[in-house]
Amino acid sequence: MDIRTTRIRNQLQGRIVSIIRGAVHSEVDVVTAAGLFTSVVETELLDLIGLKAGSAVVATVKSSDVKLAAA
């Protein structure tokens, strides 16, 4: 996902503080200036883009959907 081209306005820079890995999906906790957010993402995607605890990310929020992109 190219964060610069998305039309979602609610973008929050943050850092991954923890990951609970599952076989298919993982829970990713991200701390931002606005607080803590949790995103559920495919475990394969975490490995593909190299997200881990300490990684800088941008959380984009749309309704109840939170997506992460490497910052």
N, C-alpha and C. Protein backbone atom coordinates (compact mmCIF):
# COMPACT_ATOMS: atom_id res chain seq x y z
N MET A 1 0.85 -1.17 0.00
CA MET A 1 0.00 0.00 0.00
C MET A 1 0.89 1.23 0.00
N ASP A 2 0.71 2.12 -0.93
CA ASP A 2 1.47 3.37 -0.97
C ASP A 2 0.68 4.39 -0.18
N ILE A 3 1.14 4.70 1.01
CA ILE A 3 0.40 5.58 1.92
C ILE A 3 0.25 6.99 1.36
N ARG A 4 1.14 7.39 0.46
CA ARG A 4 1.07 8.74 -0.09
C ARG A 4 -0.08 8.91 -1.08
N THR A 5 -0.59 7.83 -1.63
CA THR A 5 -1.63 7.95 -2.64
C THR A 5 -3.01 7.59 -2.11
N THR A 6 -3.11 7.18 -0.86
CA THR A 6 -4.41 6.81 -0.32
C THR A 6 -5.26 8.05 -0.07
N ARG A 7 -6.56 7.90 -0.15
CA ARG A 7 -7.47 9.02 0.08
C ARG A 7 -7.99 9.05 1.51
N ILE A 8 -7.58 8.09 2.31
CA ILE A 8 -8.02 8.05 3.69
C ILE A 8 -7.36 9.20 4.44
N ARG A 9 -8.16 10.00 5.13
CA ARG A 9 -7.64 11.19 5.80
C ARG A 9 -7.14 10.91 7.21
N ASN A 10 -7.67 9.90 7.86
CA ASN A 10 -7.31 9.64 9.24
C ASN A 10 -6.07 8.77 9.31
N GLN A 11 -4.91 9.40 9.20
CA GLN A 11 -3.64 8.70 9.21
C GLN A 11 -2.87 9.09 10.48
N LEU A 12 -2.40 8.10 11.21
CA LEU A 12 -1.70 8.34 12.46
C LEU A 12 -0.36 7.63 12.45
N GLN A 13 0.72 8.39 12.62
CA GLN A 13 2.04 7.77 12.68
C GLN A 13 2.21 7.13 14.05
N GLY A 14 2.84 5.98 14.07
CA GLY A 14 3.04 5.30 15.33
C GLY A 14 4.13 4.26 15.24
N ARG A 15 4.19 3.44 16.29
CA ARG A 15 5.20 2.40 16.38
C ARG A 15 4.55 1.14 16.92
N ILE A 16 4.89 0.01 16.31
CA ILE A 16 4.36 -1.27 16.78
C ILE A 16 4.97 -1.59 18.14
N VAL A 17 4.09 -1.86 19.13
CA VAL A 17 4.59 -2.18 20.46
C VAL A 17 4.50 -3.68 20.76
N SER A 18 3.57 -4.37 20.11
CA SER A 18 3.50 -5.82 20.32
C SER A 18 2.74 -6.47 19.18
N ILE A 19 3.03 -7.75 18.98
CA ILE A 19 2.36 -8.55 17.97
C ILE A 19 2.00 -9.89 18.60
N ILE A 20 0.74 -10.28 18.46
CA ILE A 20 0.30 -11.60 18.87
C ILE A 20 0.08 -12.39 17.60
N ARG A 21 1.03 -13.28 17.28
CA ARG A 21 0.99 -14.02 16.02
C ARG A 21 0.02 -15.19 16.10
N GLY A 22 -0.73 -15.34 15.03
CA GLY A 22 -1.60 -16.48 14.86
C GLY A 22 -1.20 -17.22 13.61
N ALA A 23 -1.80 -18.38 13.38
CA ALA A 23 -1.48 -19.17 12.20
C ALA A 23 -1.85 -18.43 10.91
N VAL A 24 -2.98 -17.75 10.93
CA VAL A 24 -3.46 -17.05 9.73
C VAL A 24 -3.49 -15.54 9.94
N HIS A 25 -4.01 -15.09 11.07
CA HIS A 25 -4.10 -13.66 11.38
C HIS A 25 -3.33 -13.34 12.64
N SER A 26 -2.82 -12.11 12.72
CA SER A 26 -2.09 -11.65 13.89
C SER A 26 -2.67 -10.33 14.36
N GLU A 27 -2.59 -10.08 15.67
CA GLU A 27 -3.01 -8.81 16.24
C GLU A 27 -1.77 -7.94 16.42
N VAL A 28 -1.85 -6.71 15.92
CA VAL A 28 -0.73 -5.79 15.98
C VAL A 28 -1.16 -4.57 16.78
N ASP A 29 -0.46 -4.30 17.89
CA ASP A 29 -0.74 -3.13 18.72
C ASP A 29 0.20 -2.01 18.31
N VAL A 30 -0.38 -0.84 18.01
CA VAL A 30 0.38 0.32 17.57
C VAL A 30 0.10 1.48 18.52
N VAL A 31 1.15 2.09 19.05
CA VAL A 31 0.99 3.26 19.90
C VAL A 31 1.20 4.51 19.03
N THR A 32 0.28 5.46 19.17
CA THR A 32 0.34 6.73 18.44
C THR A 32 0.14 7.86 19.44
N ALA A 33 0.26 9.09 18.98
CA ALA A 33 0.01 10.24 19.85
C ALA A 33 -1.45 10.25 20.32
N ALA A 34 -2.33 9.63 19.55
CA ALA A 34 -3.76 9.59 19.89
C ALA A 34 -4.10 8.43 20.81
N GLY A 35 -3.17 7.50 21.02
CA GLY A 35 -3.43 6.35 21.88
C GLY A 35 -3.02 5.05 21.21
N LEU A 36 -3.50 3.96 21.79
CA LEU A 36 -3.16 2.63 21.32
C LEU A 36 -4.22 2.11 20.36
N PHE A 37 -3.79 1.57 19.23
CA PHE A 37 -4.68 0.98 18.24
C PHE A 37 -4.28 -0.47 18.05
N THR A 38 -5.26 -1.32 17.78
CA THR A 38 -4.99 -2.72 17.46
C THR A 38 -5.53 -3.01 16.07
N SER A 39 -4.71 -3.64 15.25
CA SER A 39 -5.09 -4.01 13.90
C SER A 39 -4.92 -5.52 13.75
N VAL A 40 -5.84 -6.16 13.07
CA VAL A 40 -5.72 -7.58 12.76
C VAL A 40 -5.30 -7.69 11.29
N VAL A 41 -4.15 -8.32 11.07
CA VAL A 41 -3.61 -8.44 9.72
C VAL A 41 -3.24 -9.89 9.46
N GLU A 42 -3.08 -10.23 8.20
CA GLU A 42 -2.66 -11.58 7.85
C GLU A 42 -1.21 -11.78 8.28
N THR A 43 -0.94 -12.89 8.93
CA THR A 43 0.40 -13.20 9.41
C THR A 43 1.40 -13.24 8.25
N GLU A 44 0.97 -13.77 7.12
CA GLU A 44 1.85 -13.82 5.94
C GLU A 44 2.27 -12.41 5.53
N LEU A 45 1.38 -11.43 5.63
CA LEU A 45 1.69 -10.05 5.28
C LEU A 45 2.73 -9.47 6.23
N LEU A 46 2.61 -9.76 7.53
CA LEU A 46 3.61 -9.29 8.49
C LEU A 46 5.01 -9.71 8.06
N ASP A 47 5.12 -10.98 7.70
CA ASP A 47 6.42 -11.51 7.29
C ASP A 47 6.86 -10.94 5.95
N LEU A 48 5.93 -10.76 5.03
CA LEU A 48 6.25 -10.26 3.70
C LEU A 48 6.83 -8.85 3.75
N ILE A 49 6.24 -7.97 4.55
CA ILE A 49 6.72 -6.58 4.58
C ILE A 49 7.62 -6.30 5.78
N GLY A 50 7.88 -7.33 6.58
CA GLY A 50 8.87 -7.21 7.64
C GLY A 50 8.44 -6.42 8.86
N LEU A 51 7.14 -6.37 9.14
CA LEU A 51 6.70 -5.64 10.34
C LEU A 51 7.02 -6.45 11.58
N LYS A 52 7.51 -5.74 12.61
CA LYS A 52 7.85 -6.37 13.88
C LYS A 52 7.75 -5.32 14.98
N ALA A 53 7.81 -5.76 16.21
CA ALA A 53 7.78 -4.82 17.33
C ALA A 53 8.90 -3.81 17.15
N GLY A 54 8.57 -2.54 17.31
CA GLY A 54 9.53 -1.46 17.12
C GLY A 54 9.46 -0.79 15.76
N SER A 55 8.78 -1.43 14.79
CA SER A 55 8.67 -0.85 13.44
C SER A 55 7.81 0.41 13.46
N ALA A 56 8.25 1.43 12.73
CA ALA A 56 7.45 2.63 12.54
C ALA A 56 6.41 2.34 11.47
N VAL A 57 5.15 2.73 11.72
CA VAL A 57 4.06 2.49 10.78
C VAL A 57 3.15 3.70 10.73
N VAL A 58 2.31 3.72 9.73
CA VAL A 58 1.22 4.69 9.64
C VAL A 58 -0.07 3.90 9.71
N ALA A 59 -0.90 4.20 10.70
CA ALA A 59 -2.20 3.55 10.83
C ALA A 59 -3.22 4.41 10.11
N THR A 60 -3.95 3.83 9.19
CA THR A 60 -5.03 4.54 8.52
C THR A 60 -6.34 3.98 9.01
N VAL A 61 -7.22 4.87 9.43
CA VAL A 61 -8.47 4.46 10.06
C VAL A 61 -9.64 4.87 9.17
N LYS A 62 -10.47 3.89 8.84
CA LYS A 62 -11.67 4.15 8.05
C LYS A 62 -12.77 3.30 8.65
N SER A 63 -13.77 3.93 9.24
CA SER A 63 -14.83 3.24 9.96
C SER A 63 -14.21 2.35 11.01
N SER A 64 -14.47 1.06 10.96
CA SER A 64 -13.91 0.15 11.96
C SER A 64 -12.69 -0.59 11.41
N ASP A 65 -12.16 -0.15 10.30
CA ASP A 65 -11.06 -0.83 9.63
C ASP A 65 -9.77 -0.05 9.84
N VAL A 66 -8.72 -0.69 10.36
CA VAL A 66 -7.42 -0.07 10.55
C VAL A 66 -6.40 -0.82 9.71
N LYS A 67 -5.70 -0.10 8.84
CA LYS A 67 -4.69 -0.71 7.99
C LYS A 67 -3.35 -0.11 8.34
N LEU A 68 -2.28 -0.89 8.17
CA LEU A 68 -0.93 -0.44 8.48
C LEU A 68 -0.06 -0.46 7.24
N ALA A 69 0.83 0.53 7.18
CA ALA A 69 1.83 0.58 6.11
C ALA A 69 3.16 0.96 6.76
N ALA A 70 4.23 0.42 6.26
CA ALA A 70 5.54 0.78 6.78
C ALA A 70 5.76 2.28 6.60
N ALA A 71 6.31 2.92 7.61
CA ALA A 71 6.52 4.39 7.55
C ALA A 71 7.85 4.72 6.96
